[in-house]
C-alpha cells in the first residue's frame, strides 16, 4: 500500500459518522446493509449518508452492489487489513516484544464465540 492510499483511508475514517458506518458494516459482514438501513440505523439523512458512503467507497473501505431497488454496502475488510498492516509493518523494528501485546489484543477480539450446547 502506498502512503497516499493509507492517508485517503484514514482520512475517510477520521469523521465520526463515517467511522460509525464502517463499524456498523463490519458488524453486518458478510451480508452488508442497504444504504437506507444504514441511514435509519445511524439516524442520518439519506442524502448526507450518500455523501459519507461515497467517501468511504472512494477510499476503498466499502463496496456497493445493486440488489433490486437497493444498494447494499459491505465493508472491504481486505482493504482495511492493508491499511492496518501498512501502519504496523515497521512497528517492532526487529523487536517482536514491542508488538506482541498489540497482536494479542487483535487476536483475542476475533476469536470465535464458544458454541452453546442445546438443552435436551
PDB file of N, CA and C in Angstrom:
ATOM      1  N   UNK A   1       0.852  -1.177   0.000  1.00  0.00           N
ATOM      2  CA  UNK A   1       0.000   0.000   0.000  1.00  0.00           C
ATOM      3  C   UNK A   1       0.890   1.230   0.000  1.00  0.00           C
ATOM      4  N   UNK A   2       0.490   2.210  -0.757  1.00  0.00           N
ATOM      5  CA  UNK A   2       1.201   3.480  -0.819  1.00  0.00           C
ATOM      6  C   UNK A   2       0.717   4.402   0.300  1.00  0.00           C
ATOM      7  N   UNK A   3       1.552   5.342   0.691  1.00  0.00           N
ATOM      8  CA  UNK A   3       1.188   6.299   1.736  1.00  0.00           C
ATOM      9  C   UNK A   3      -0.087   7.055   1.393  1.00  0.00           C
ATOM     10  N   UNK A   4      -0.229   7.463   0.143  1.00  0.00           N
ATOM     11  CA  UNK A   4      -1.413   8.215  -0.280  1.00  0.00           C
ATOM     12  C   UNK A   4      -2.701   7.425  -0.089  1.00  0.00           C
ATOM     13  N   UNK A   5      -2.651   6.127  -0.367  1.00  0.00           N
ATOM     14  CA  UNK A   5      -3.832   5.273  -0.177  1.00  0.00           C
ATOM     15  C   UNK A   5      -4.184   5.149   1.305  1.00  0.00           C
ATOM     16  N   UNK A   6      -3.162   4.997   2.133  1.00  0.00           N
ATOM     17  CA  UNK A   6      -3.400   4.906   3.569  1.00  0.00           C
ATOM     18  C   UNK A   6      -3.961   6.211   4.111  1.00  0.00           C
ATOM     19  N   UNK A   7      -3.434   7.331   3.638  1.00  0.00           N
ATOM     20  CA  UNK A   7      -3.919   8.637   4.081  1.00  0.00           C
ATOM     21  C   UNK A   7      -5.379   8.820   3.683  1.00  0.00           C
ATOM     22  N   UNK A   8      -5.736   8.424   2.463  1.00  0.00           N
ATOM     23  CA  UNK A   8      -7.116   8.531   1.998  1.00  0.00           C
ATOM     24  C   UNK A   8      -8.055   7.696   2.868  1.00  0.00           C
ATOM     25  N   UNK A   9      -7.648   6.469   3.186  1.00  0.00           N
ATOM     26  CA  UNK A   9      -8.482   5.591   4.016  1.00  0.00           C
ATOM     27  C   UNK A   9      -8.599   6.135   5.440  1.00  0.00           C
ATOM     28  N   UNK A  10      -7.488   6.554   6.007  1.00  0.00           N
ATOM     29  CA  UNK A  10      -7.523   7.077   7.373  1.00  0.00           C
ATOM     30  C   UNK A  10      -8.320   8.374   7.448  1.00  0.00           C
ATOM     31  N   UNK A  11      -8.201   9.211   6.433  1.00  0.00           N
ATOM     32  CA  UNK A  11      -8.977  10.454   6.407  1.00  0.00           C
ATOM     33  C   UNK A  11     -10.470  10.155   6.319  1.00  0.00           C
ATOM     34  N   UNK A  12     -10.833   9.138   5.556  1.00  0.00           N
ATOM     35  CA  UNK A  12     -12.243   8.765   5.441  1.00  0.00           C
ATOM     36  C   UNK A  12     -12.789   8.314   6.786  1.00  0.00           C
ATOM     37  N   UNK A  13     -11.985   7.626   7.563  1.00  0.00           N
ATOM     38  CA  UNK A  13     -12.422   7.124   8.863  1.00  0.00           C
ATOM     39  C   UNK A  13     -12.301   8.169   9.977  1.00  0.00           C
ATOM     40  N   UNK A  14     -11.667   9.297   9.678  1.00  0.00           N
ATOM     41  CA  UNK A  14     -11.426  10.329  10.693  1.00  0.00           C
ATOM     42  C   UNK A  14     -12.602  11.283  10.838  1.00  0.00           C
ATOM     43  N   UNK A  15     -13.792  10.798  10.585  1.00  0.00           N
ATOM     44  CA  UNK A  15     -15.018  11.583  10.726  1.00  0.00           C
ATOM     45  C   UNK A  15     -16.012  10.682  11.469  1.00  0.00           C
ATOM     46  N   UNK A  16     -16.667  11.171  12.493  1.00  0.00           N
ATOM     47  CA  UNK A  16     -17.487  10.301  13.351  1.00  0.00           C
ATOM     48  C   UNK A  16     -18.551   9.479  12.633  1.00  0.00           C
ATOM     49  N   UNK A  17     -19.295  10.073  11.726  1.00  0.00           N
ATOM     50  CA  UNK A  17     -20.361   9.316  11.045  1.00  0.00           C
ATOM     51  C   UNK A  17     -19.771   8.233  10.166  1.00  0.00           C
ATOM     52  N   UNK A  18     -18.711   8.551   9.433  1.00  0.00           N
ATOM     53  CA  UNK A  18     -18.102   7.543   8.557  1.00  0.00           C
ATOM     54  C   UNK A  18     -17.485   6.411   9.363  1.00  0.00           C
ATOM     55  N   UNK A  19     -16.900   6.733  10.499  1.00  0.00           N
ATOM     56  CA  UNK A  19     -16.362   5.684  11.361  1.00  0.00           C
ATOM     57  C   UNK A  19     -17.502   4.797  11.858  1.00  0.00           C
ATOM     58  N   UNK A  20     -18.615   5.406  12.247  1.00  0.00           N
ATOM     59  CA  UNK A  20     -19.785   4.632  12.685  1.00  0.00           C
ATOM     60  C   UNK A  20     -20.317   3.746  11.561  1.00  0.00           C
ATOM     61  N   UNK A  21     -20.348   4.275  10.342  1.00  0.00           N
ATOM     62  CA  UNK A  21     -20.819   3.495   9.191  1.00  0.00           C
ATOM     63  C   UNK A  21     -19.919   2.281   8.987  1.00  0.00           C
ATOM     64  N   UNK A  22     -18.621   2.508   8.985  1.00  0.00           N
ATOM     65  CA  UNK A  22     -17.694   1.401   8.749  1.00  0.00           C
ATOM     66  C   UNK A  22     -17.841   0.337   9.837  1.00  0.00           C
ATOM     67  N   UNK A  23     -17.913   0.761  11.080  1.00  0.00           N
ATOM     68  CA  UNK A  23     -18.054  -0.192  12.187  1.00  0.00           C
ATOM     69  C   UNK A  23     -19.379  -0.956  12.080  1.00  0.00           C
ATOM     70  N   UNK A  24     -20.441  -0.278  11.686  1.00  0.00           N
ATOM     71  CA  UNK A  24     -21.736  -0.936  11.505  1.00  0.00           C
ATOM     72  C   UNK A  24     -21.649  -1.984  10.401  1.00  0.00           C
ATOM     73  N   UNK A  25     -21.009  -1.631   9.297  1.00  0.00           N
ATOM     74  CA  UNK A  25     -20.885  -2.572   8.189  1.00  0.00           C
ATOM     75  C   UNK A  25     -20.031  -3.775   8.563  1.00  0.00           C
ATOM     76  N   UNK A  26     -19.002  -3.568   9.362  1.00  0.00           N
ATOM     77  CA  UNK A  26     -18.180  -4.696   9.814  1.00  0.00           C
ATOM     78  C   UNK A  26     -19.037  -5.673  10.614  1.00  0.00           C
ATOM     79  N   UNK A  27     -19.927  -5.141  11.442  1.00  0.00           N
ATOM     80  CA  UNK A  27     -20.807  -5.999  12.246  1.00  0.00           C
ATOM     81  C   UNK A  27     -21.779  -6.791  11.376  1.00  0.00           C
ATOM     82  N   UNK A  28     -22.044  -6.305  10.174  1.00  0.00           N
ATOM     83  CA  UNK A  28     -23.014  -6.968   9.295  1.00  0.00           C
ATOM     84  C   UNK A  28     -22.352  -7.711   8.137  1.00  0.00           C
ATOM     85  N   UNK A  29     -21.103  -8.063   8.322  1.00  0.00           N
ATOM     86  CA  UNK A  29     -20.440  -8.893   7.327  1.00  0.00           C
ATOM     87  C   UNK A  29     -20.922 -10.324   7.492  1.00  0.00           C
ATOM     88  N   UNK A  30     -21.090 -11.077   6.431  1.00  0.00           N
ATOM     89  CA  UNK A  30     -20.790 -10.734   5.049  1.00  0.00           C
ATOM     90  C   UNK A  30     -21.978 -10.193   4.249  1.00  0.00           C
ATOM     91  N   UNK A  31     -23.170 -10.150   4.840  1.00  0.00           N
ATOM     92  CA  UNK A  31     -24.347  -9.796   4.053  1.00  0.00           C
ATOM     93  C   UNK A  31     -24.429  -8.313   3.699  1.00  0.00           C
ATOM     94  N   UNK A  32     -23.857  -7.426   4.516  1.00  0.00           N
ATOM     95  CA  UNK A  32     -23.918  -5.995   4.244  1.00  0.00           C
ATOM     96  C   UNK A  32     -25.263  -5.408   4.634  1.00  0.00           C
ATOM     97  N   UNK A  33     -25.413  -4.120   4.350  1.00  0.00           N
ATOM     98  CA  UNK A  33     -26.651  -3.411   4.660  1.00  0.00           C
ATOM     99  C   UNK A  33     -27.012  -2.483   3.513  1.00  0.00           C
ATOM    100  N   UNK A  34     -28.301  -2.312   3.300  1.00  0.00           N
ATOM    101  CA  UNK A  34     -28.787  -1.359   2.300  1.00  0.00           C
ATOM    102  C   UNK A  34     -28.521   0.060   2.801  1.00  0.00           C
ATOM    103  N   UNK A  35     -28.292   0.965   1.875  1.00  0.00           N
ATOM    104  CA  UNK A  35     -27.979   2.354   2.217  1.00  0.00           C
ATOM    105  C   UNK A  35     -29.049   2.968   3.107  1.00  0.00           C
ATOM    106  N   UNK A  36     -30.309   2.729   2.803  1.00  0.00           N
ATOM    107  CA  UNK A  36     -31.401   3.275   3.609  1.00  0.00           C
ATOM    108  C   UNK A  36     -31.390   2.752   5.030  1.00  0.00           C
ATOM    109  N   UNK A  37     -31.059   1.489   5.189  1.00  0.00           N
ATOM    110  CA  UNK A  37     -30.979   0.891   6.524  1.00  0.00           C
ATOM    111  C   UNK A  37     -29.821   1.487   7.323  1.00  0.00           C
ATOM    112  N   UNK A  38     -28.710   1.728   6.666  1.00  0.00           N
ATOM    113  CA  UNK A  38     -27.573   2.367   7.337  1.00  0.00           C
ATOM    114  C   UNK A  38     -27.992   3.749   7.832  1.00  0.00           C
ATOM    115  N   UNK A  39     -28.645   4.510   6.963  1.00  0.00           N
ATOM    116  CA  UNK A  39     -29.084   5.865   7.321  1.00  0.00           C
ATOM    117  C   UNK A  39     -30.068   5.825   8.485  1.00  0.00           C
ATOM    118  N   UNK A  40     -31.034   4.900   8.450  1.00  0.00           N
ATOM    119  CA  UNK A  40     -32.012   4.794   9.548  1.00  0.00           C
ATOM    120  C   UNK A  40     -31.342   4.380  10.848  1.00  0.00           C
ATOM    121  N   UNK A  41     -30.478   3.400  10.786  1.00  0.00           N
ATOM    122  CA  UNK A  41     -29.813   2.900  11.989  1.00  0.00           C
ATOM    123  C   UNK A  41     -29.003   3.994  12.673  1.00  0.00           C
ATOM    124  N   UNK A  42     -28.321   4.802  11.881  1.00  0.00           N
ATOM    125  CA  UNK A  42     -27.461   5.846  12.449  1.00  0.00           C
ATOM    126  C   UNK A  42     -28.163   7.203  12.543  1.00  0.00           C
ATOM    127  N   UNK A  43     -29.447   7.250  12.162  1.00  0.00           N
ATOM    128  CA  UNK A  43     -30.242   8.489  12.228  1.00  0.00           C
ATOM    129  C   UNK A  43     -29.560   9.635  11.480  1.00  0.00           C
ATOM    130  N   UNK A  44     -29.193   9.345  10.235  1.00  0.00           N
ATOM    131  CA  UNK A  44     -28.548  10.329   9.366  1.00  0.00           C
ATOM    132  C   UNK A  44     -29.413  10.480   8.127  1.00  0.00           C
ATOM    133  N   UNK A  45     -29.678  11.709   7.661  1.00  0.00           N
ATOM    134  CA  UNK A  45     -30.466  11.885   6.436  1.00  0.00           C
ATOM    135  C   UNK A  45     -29.834  11.121   5.267  1.00  0.00           C
ATOM    136  N   UNK A  46     -30.696  10.589   4.392  1.00  0.00           N
ATOM    137  CA  UNK A  46     -30.187   9.744   3.302  1.00  0.00           C
ATOM    138  C   UNK A  46     -29.230  10.474   2.363  1.00  0.00           C
ATOM    139  N   UNK A  47     -29.500  11.750   2.076  1.00  0.00           N
ATOM    140  CA  UNK A  47     -28.584  12.450   1.165  1.00  0.00           C
ATOM    141  C   UNK A  47     -27.217  12.660   1.818  1.00  0.00           C
ATOM    142  N   UNK A  48     -27.196  12.909   3.123  1.00  0.00           N
ATOM    143  CA  UNK A  48     -25.932  13.037   3.849  1.00  0.00           C
ATOM    144  C   UNK A  48     -25.220  11.693   3.886  1.00  0.00           C
ATOM    145  N   UNK A  49     -25.978  10.626   4.118  1.00  0.00           N
ATOM    146  CA  UNK A  49     -25.389   9.285   4.158  1.00  0.00           C
ATOM    147  C   UNK A  49     -24.781   8.929   2.807  1.00  0.00           C
ATOM    148  N   UNK A  50     -25.429   9.327   1.727  1.00  0.00           N
ATOM    149  CA  UNK A  50     -24.880   9.053   0.393  1.00  0.00           C
ATOM    150  C   UNK A  50     -23.500   9.664   0.236  1.00  0.00           C
ATOM    151  N   UNK A  51     -23.319  10.869   0.747  1.00  0.00           N
ATOM    152  CA  UNK A  51     -22.008  11.527   0.674  1.00  0.00           C
ATOM    153  C   UNK A  51     -20.969  10.764   1.484  1.00  0.00           C
ATOM    154  N   UNK A  52     -21.346  10.352   2.678  1.00  0.00           N
ATOM    155  CA  UNK A  52     -20.413   9.599   3.516  1.00  0.00           C
ATOM    156  C   UNK A  52     -20.036   8.267   2.863  1.00  0.00           C
ATOM    157  N   UNK A  53     -21.028   7.574   2.314  1.00  0.00           N
ATOM    158  CA  UNK A  53     -20.755   6.293   1.664  1.00  0.00           C
ATOM    159  C   UNK A  53     -19.869   6.474   0.430  1.00  0.00           C
ATOM    160  N   UNK A  54     -20.048   7.573  -0.288  1.00  0.00           N
ATOM    161  CA  UNK A  54     -19.203   7.847  -1.457  1.00  0.00           C
ATOM    162  C   UNK A  54     -17.753   8.056  -1.041  1.00  0.00           C
ATOM    163  N   UNK A  55     -17.536   8.757   0.044  1.00  0.00           N
ATOM    164  CA  UNK A  55     -16.169   8.992   0.534  1.00  0.00           C
ATOM    165  C   UNK A  55     -15.527   7.676   0.968  1.00  0.00           C
ATOM    166  N   UNK A  56     -16.273   6.852   1.698  1.00  0.00           N
ATOM    167  CA  UNK A  56     -15.751   5.553   2.114  1.00  0.00           C
ATOM    168  C   UNK A  56     -15.480   4.655   0.909  1.00  0.00           C
ATOM    169  N   UNK A  57     -16.325   4.755  -0.095  1.00  0.00           N
ATOM    170  CA  UNK A  57     -16.149   3.969  -1.308  1.00  0.00           C
ATOM    171  C   UNK A  57     -14.901   4.409  -2.076  1.00  0.00           C
ATOM    172  N   UNK A  58     -14.710   5.725  -2.216  1.00  0.00           N
ATOM    173  CA  UNK A  58     -13.509   6.238  -2.908  1.00  0.00           C
ATOM    174  C   UNK A  58     -12.235   5.819  -2.175  1.00  0.00           C
ATOM    175  N   UNK A  59     -12.313   5.697  -0.874  1.00  0.00           N
ATOM    176  CA  UNK A  59     -11.155   5.273  -0.086  1.00  0.00           C
ATOM    177  C   UNK A  59     -10.951   3.756  -0.161  1.00  0.00           C
ATOM    178  N   UNK A  60     -11.897   3.055  -0.780  1.00  0.00           N
ATOM    179  CA  UNK A  60     -11.783   1.610  -0.923  1.00  0.00           C
ATOM    180  C   UNK A  60     -12.190   0.830   0.307  1.00  0.00           C
ATOM    181  N   UNK A  61     -12.823   1.487   1.268  1.00  0.00           N
ATOM    182  CA  UNK A  61     -13.189   0.821   2.515  1.00  0.00           C
ATOM    183  C   UNK A  61     -14.551   0.152   2.470  1.00  0.00           C
ATOM    184  N   UNK A  62     -15.389   0.532   1.508  1.00  0.00           N
ATOM    185  CA  UNK A  62     -16.675  -0.123   1.327  1.00  0.00           C
ATOM    186  C   UNK A  62     -16.893  -0.401  -0.152  1.00  0.00           C
ATOM    187  N   UNK A  63     -17.686  -1.413  -0.413  1.00  0.00           N
ATOM    188  CA  UNK A  63     -18.093  -1.707  -1.788  1.00  0.00           C
ATOM    189  C   UNK A  63     -19.608  -1.691  -1.835  1.00  0.00           C
ATOM    190  N   UNK A  64     -20.137  -1.446  -3.018  1.00  0.00           N
ATOM    191  CA  UNK A  64     -21.587  -1.352  -3.197  1.00  0.00           C
ATOM    192  C   UNK A  64     -22.034  -2.318  -4.280  1.00  0.00           C
ATOM    193  N   UNK A  65     -23.218  -2.874  -4.071  1.00  0.00           N
ATOM    194  CA  UNK A  65     -23.814  -3.772  -5.060  1.00  0.00           C
ATOM    195  C   UNK A  65     -25.302  -3.493  -5.121  1.00  0.00           C
ATOM    196  N   UNK A  66     -25.799  -3.298  -6.342  1.00  0.00           N
ATOM    197  CA  UNK A  66     -27.225  -3.060  -6.516  1.00  0.00           C
ATOM    198  C   UNK A  66     -27.952  -4.393  -6.453  1.00  0.00           C
ATOM    199  N   UNK A  67     -28.942  -4.461  -5.549  1.00  0.00           N
ATOM    200  CA  UNK A  67     -29.815  -5.621  -5.431  1.00  0.00           C
ATOM    201  C   UNK A  67     -31.241  -5.115  -5.526  1.00  0.00           C
ATOM    202  N   UNK A  68     -31.861  -5.363  -6.673  1.00  0.00           N
ATOM    203  CA  UNK A  68     -33.207  -4.877  -6.928  1.00  0.00           C
ATOM    204  C   UNK A  68     -33.212  -3.353  -6.851  1.00  0.00           C
ATOM    205  N   UNK A  69     -34.006  -2.785  -5.930  1.00  0.00           N
ATOM    206  CA  UNK A  69     -34.083  -1.324  -5.826  1.00  0.00           C
ATOM    207  C   UNK A  69     -33.133  -0.755  -4.779  1.00  0.00           C
ATOM    208  N   UNK A  70     -32.390  -1.613  -4.115  1.00  0.00           N
ATOM    209  CA  UNK A  70     -31.496  -1.167  -3.051  1.00  0.00           C
ATOM    210  C   UNK A  70     -30.035  -1.265  -3.472  1.00  0.00           C
ATOM    211  N   UNK A  71     -29.227  -0.437  -2.858  1.00  0.00           N
ATOM    212  CA  UNK A  71     -27.781  -0.568  -2.989  1.00  0.00           C
ATOM    213  C   UNK A  71     -27.288  -1.064  -1.639  1.00  0.00           C
ATOM    214  N   UNK A  72     -26.671  -2.237  -1.663  1.00  0.00           N
ATOM    215  CA  UNK A  72     -26.172  -2.861  -0.439  1.00  0.00           C
ATOM    216  C   UNK A  72     -24.681  -2.583  -0.338  1.00  0.00           C
ATOM    217  N   UNK A  73     -24.279  -2.098   0.834  1.00  0.00           N
ATOM    218  CA  UNK A  73     -22.881  -1.771   1.088  1.00  0.00           C
ATOM    219  C   UNK A  73     -22.275  -2.809   2.004  1.00  0.00           C
ATOM    220  N   UNK A  74     -20.998  -3.104   1.757  1.00  0.00           N
ATOM    221  CA  UNK A  74     -20.235  -4.040   2.581  1.00  0.00           C
ATOM    222  C   UNK A  74     -18.890  -3.418   2.904  1.00  0.00           C
ATOM    223  N   UNK A  75     -18.394  -3.720   4.093  1.00  0.00           N
ATOM    224  CA  UNK A  75     -17.053  -3.282   4.469  1.00  0.00           C
ATOM    225  C   UNK A  75     -16.040  -4.098   3.677  1.00  0.00           C
ATOM    226  N   UNK A  76     -15.015  -3.431   3.160  1.00  0.00           N
ATOM    227  CA  UNK A  76     -13.936  -4.138   2.467  1.00  0.00           C
ATOM    228  C   UNK A  76     -12.856  -4.437   3.495  1.00  0.00           C
ATOM    229  N   UNK A  77     -12.954  -5.607   4.095  1.00  0.00           N
ATOM    230  CA  UNK A  77     -12.052  -5.965   5.179  1.00  0.00           C
ATOM    231  C   UNK A  77     -10.623  -6.200   4.694  1.00  0.00           C
ATOM    232  N   UNK A  78     -10.460  -6.614   3.451  1.00  0.00           N
ATOM    233  CA  UNK A  78      -9.107  -6.784   2.895  1.00  0.00           C
ATOM    234  C   UNK A  78      -8.413  -5.427   2.804  1.00  0.00           C
ATOM    235  N   UNK A  79      -9.152  -4.424   2.363  1.00  0.00           N
ATOM    236  CA  UNK A  79      -8.589  -3.076   2.269  1.00  0.00           C
ATOM    237  C   UNK A  79      -8.238  -2.546   3.657  1.00  0.00           C
ATOM    238  N   UNK A  80      -9.138  -2.756   4.618  1.00  0.00           N
ATOM    239  CA  UNK A  80      -8.877  -2.313   5.983  1.00  0.00           C
ATOM    240  C   UNK A  80      -7.647  -3.032   6.542  1.00  0.00           C
ATOM    241  N   UNK A  81      -7.542  -4.314   6.261  1.00  0.00           N
ATOM    242  CA  UNK A  81      -6.373  -5.083   6.682  1.00  0.00           C
ATOM    243  C   UNK A  81      -5.101  -4.475   6.100  1.00  0.00           C
ATOM    244  N   UNK A  82      -5.146  -4.083   4.843  1.00  0.00           N
ATOM    245  CA  UNK A  82      -3.986  -3.459   4.202  1.00  0.00           C
ATOM    246  C   UNK A  82      -3.589  -2.161   4.900  1.00  0.00           C
ATOM    247  N   UNK A  83      -4.591  -1.373   5.295  1.00  0.00           N
ATOM    248  CA  UNK A  83      -4.315  -0.111   5.994  1.00  0.00           C
ATOM    249  C   UNK A  83      -3.661  -0.394   7.346  1.00  0.00           C
ATOM    250  N   UNK A  84      -4.232  -1.334   8.092  1.00  0.00           N
ATOM    251  CA  UNK A  84      -3.684  -1.659   9.410  1.00  0.00           C
ATOM    252  C   UNK A  84      -2.267  -2.211   9.278  1.00  0.00           C
ATOM    253  N   UNK A  85      -2.054  -3.107   8.322  1.00  0.00           N
ATOM    254  CA  UNK A  85      -0.715  -3.666   8.124  1.00  0.00           C
ATOM    255  C   UNK A  85       0.274  -2.592   7.687  1.00  0.00           C
ATOM    256  N   UNK A  86      -0.169  -1.651   6.873  1.00  0.00           N
ATOM    257  CA  UNK A  86       0.692  -0.530   6.480  1.00  0.00           C
ATOM    258  C   UNK A  86       1.140   0.236   7.717  1.00  0.00           C
ATOM    259  N   UNK A  87       0.204   0.468   8.643  1.00  0.00           N
ATOM    260  CA  UNK A  87       0.527   1.211   9.860  1.00  0.00           C
ATOM    261  C   UNK A  87       1.459   0.419  10.781  1.00  0.00           C
ATOM    262  N   UNK A  88       1.326  -0.889  10.802  1.00  0.00           N
ATOM    263  CA  UNK A  88       2.087  -1.717  11.740  1.00  0.00           C
ATOM    264  C   UNK A  88       3.339  -2.359  11.152  1.00  0.00           C
ATOM    265  N   UNK A  89       3.517  -2.259   9.855  1.00  0.00           N
ATOM    266  CA  UNK A  89       4.581  -3.002   9.181  1.00  0.00           C
ATOM    267  C   UNK A  89       5.943  -2.840   9.853  1.00  0.00           C
ATOM    268  N   UNK A  90       6.298  -1.661  10.240  1.00  0.00           N
ATOM    269  CA  UNK A  90       7.626  -1.420  10.821  1.00  0.00           C
ATOM    270  C   UNK A  90       7.570  -1.228  12.329  1.00  0.00           C
ATOM    271  N   UNK A  91       6.491  -1.655  12.949  1.00  0.00           N
ATOM    272  CA  UNK A  91       6.281  -1.313  14.359  1.00  0.00           C
ATOM    273  C   UNK A  91       7.310  -1.929  15.283  1.00  0.00           C
ATOM    274  N   UNK A  92       7.739  -3.134  15.035  1.00  0.00           N
ATOM    275  CA  UNK A  92       8.618  -3.757  16.027  1.00  0.00           C
ATOM    276  C   UNK A  92      10.095  -3.574  15.709  1.00  0.00           C
ATOM    277  N   UNK A  93      10.426  -3.173  14.506  1.00  0.00           N
ATOM    278  CA  UNK A  93      11.822  -2.910  14.129  1.00  0.00           C
ATOM    279  C   UNK A  93      12.744  -4.032  14.602  1.00  0.00           C
ATOM    280  N   UNK A  94      12.304  -5.277  14.371  1.00  0.00           N
ATOM    281  CA  UNK A  94      13.124  -6.416  14.745  1.00  0.00           C
ATOM    282  C   UNK A  94      13.010  -6.805  16.211  1.00  0.00           C
ATOM    283  N   UNK A  95      12.126  -6.148  16.947  1.00  0.00           N
ATOM    284  CA  UNK A  95      11.935  -6.454  18.374  1.00  0.00           C
ATOM    285  C   UNK A  95      10.464  -6.831  18.578  1.00  0.00           C
ATOM    286  N   UNK A  96      10.118  -8.091  18.379  1.00  0.00           N
ATOM    287  CA  UNK A  96       8.708  -8.513  18.433  1.00  0.00           C
ATOM    288  C   UNK A  96       8.026  -8.251  19.763  1.00  0.00           C
ATOM    289  N   UNK A  97       8.762  -8.101  20.841  1.00  0.00           N
ATOM    290  CA  UNK A  97       8.127  -7.852  22.144  1.00  0.00           C
ATOM    291  C   UNK A  97       7.377  -6.522  22.163  1.00  0.00           C
ATOM    292  N   UNK A  98       7.736  -5.621  21.284  1.00  0.00           N
ATOM    293  CA  UNK A  98       7.050  -4.330  21.220  1.00  0.00           C
ATOM    294  C   UNK A  98       5.628  -4.508  20.679  1.00  0.00           C
ATOM    295  N   UNK A  99       5.475  -5.331  19.649  1.00  0.00           N
ATOM    296  CA  UNK A  99       4.164  -5.506  19.016  1.00  0.00           C
ATOM    297  C   UNK A  99       3.367  -6.671  19.588  1.00  0.00           C
ATOM    298  N   UNK A 100       3.985  -7.527  20.379  1.00  0.00           N
ATOM    299  CA  UNK A 100       3.288  -8.709  20.892  1.00  0.00           C
ATOM    300  C   UNK A 100       1.990  -8.369  21.616  1.00  0.00           C
ATOM    301  N   UNK A 101       1.967  -7.355  22.510  1.00  0.00           N
ATOM    302  CA  UNK A 101       0.692  -7.044  23.163  1.00  0.00           C
ATOM    303  C   UNK A 101      -0.393  -6.605  22.176  1.00  0.00           C
ATOM    304  N   UNK A 102      -0.025  -5.851  21.170  1.00  0.00           N
ATOM    305  CA  UNK A 102      -0.980  -5.416  20.154  1.00  0.00           C
ATOM    306  C   UNK A 102      -1.526  -6.610  19.384  1.00  0.00           C
ATOM    307  N   UNK A 103      -0.646  -7.495  18.987  1.00  0.00           N
ATOM    308  CA  UNK A 103      -1.066  -8.680  18.240  1.00  0.00           C
ATOM    309  C   UNK A 103      -1.978  -9.548  19.103  1.00  0.00           C
ATOM    310  N   UNK A 104      -1.647  -9.681  20.384  1.00  0.00           N
ATOM    311  CA  UNK A 104      -2.515 -10.445  21.297  1.00  0.00           C
ATOM    312  C   UNK A 104      -3.906  -9.827  21.382  1.00  0.00           C
ATOM    313  N   UNK A 105      -3.962  -8.490  21.476  1.00  0.00           N
ATOM    314  CA  UNK A 105      -5.264  -7.817  21.542  1.00  0.00           C
ATOM    315  C   UNK A 105      -6.068  -8.042  20.269  1.00  0.00           C
ATOM    316  N   UNK A 106      -5.406  -7.961  19.124  1.00  0.00           N
ATOM    317  CA  UNK A 106      -6.100  -8.171  17.854  1.00  0.00           C
ATOM    318  C   UNK A 106      -6.592  -9.606  17.737  1.00  0.00           C
ATOM    319  N   UNK A 107      -5.792 -10.537  18.181  1.00  0.00           N
ATOM    320  CA  UNK A 107      -6.165 -11.941  18.096  1.00  0.00           C
ATOM    321  C   UNK A 107      -7.337 -12.254  19.022  1.00  0.00           C
ATOM    322  N   UNK A 108      -7.302 -11.719  20.237  1.00  0.00           N
ATOM    323  CA  UNK A 108      -8.361 -12.043  21.193  1.00  0.00           C
ATOM    324  C   UNK A 108      -9.711 -11.453  20.797  1.00  0.00           C
ATOM    325  N   UNK A 109      -9.724 -10.334  20.093  1.00  0.00           N
ATOM    326  CA  UNK A 109     -11.007  -9.735  19.713  1.00  0.00           C
ATOM    327  C   UNK A 109     -11.694 -10.509  18.597  1.00  0.00           C
ATOM    328  N   UNK A 110     -10.976 -11.362  17.935  1.00  0.00           N
ATOM    329  CA  UNK A 110     -11.539 -12.064  16.780  1.00  0.00           C
ATOM    330  C   UNK A 110     -11.707 -13.558  16.993  1.00  0.00           C
ATOM    331  N   UNK A 111     -11.553 -14.010  18.216  1.00  0.00           N
ATOM    332  CA  UNK A 111     -11.744 -15.439  18.476  1.00  0.00           C
ATOM    333  C   UNK A 111     -13.215 -15.797  18.304  1.00  0.00           C
ATOM    334  N   UNK A 112     -13.489 -16.988  17.746  1.00  0.00           N
ATOM    335  CA  UNK A 112     -14.890 -17.411  17.607  1.00  0.00           C
ATOM    336  C   UNK A 112     -15.539 -17.559  18.977  1.00  0.00           C
ATOM    337  N   UNK A 113     -16.811 -17.245  19.027  1.00  0.00           N
ATOM    338  CA  UNK A 113     -17.568 -17.416  20.257  1.00  0.00           C
ATOM    339  C   UNK A 113     -17.781 -18.906  20.495  1.00  0.00           C
ATOM    340  N   UNK A 114     -17.722 -19.322  21.770  1.00  0.00           N
ATOM    341  CA  UNK A 114     -17.948 -20.757  22.050  1.00  0.00           C
ATOM    342  C   UNK A 114     -19.371 -21.149  21.675  1.00  0.00           C
ATOM    343  N   UNK A 115     -19.498 -22.347  21.169  1.00  0.00           N
ATOM    344  CA  UNK A 115     -20.818 -22.855  20.785  1.00  0.00           C
ATOM    345  C   UNK A 115     -21.573 -23.276  22.039  1.00  0.00           C
ATOM    346  N   UNK A 116     -22.843 -22.933  22.052  1.00  0.00           N
ATOM    347  CA  UNK A 116     -23.686 -23.322  23.176  1.00  0.00           C
ATOM    348  C   UNK A 116     -24.240 -24.704  22.941  1.00  0.00           C
ATOM    349  N   UNK A 117     -24.298 -25.460  24.000  1.00  0.00           N
ATOM    350  CA  UNK A 117     -24.882 -26.806  23.891  1.00  0.00           C
ATOM    351  C   UNK A 117     -26.387 -26.685  23.967  1.00  0.00           C
ATOM    352  N   UNK A 118     -27.060 -27.437  23.122  1.00  0.00           N
ATOM    353  CA  UNK A 118     -28.520 -27.444  23.120  1.00  0.00           C
ATOM    354  C   UNK A 118     -29.016 -28.239  24.319  1.00  0.00           C
ATOM    355  N   UNK A 119     -30.015 -27.718  24.985  1.00  0.00           N
ATOM    356  CA  UNK A 119     -30.631 -28.441  26.096  1.00  0.00           C
ATOM    357  C   UNK A 119     -31.641 -29.438  25.561  1.00  0.00           C
ATOM    358  N   UNK A 120     -31.529 -30.642  26.012  1.00  0.00           N
ATOM    359  CA  UNK A 120     -32.427 -31.693  25.546  1.00  0.00           C
ATOM    360  C   UNK A 120     -33.460 -32.002  26.576  1.00  0.00           C
TER     361      UNK A 120
END
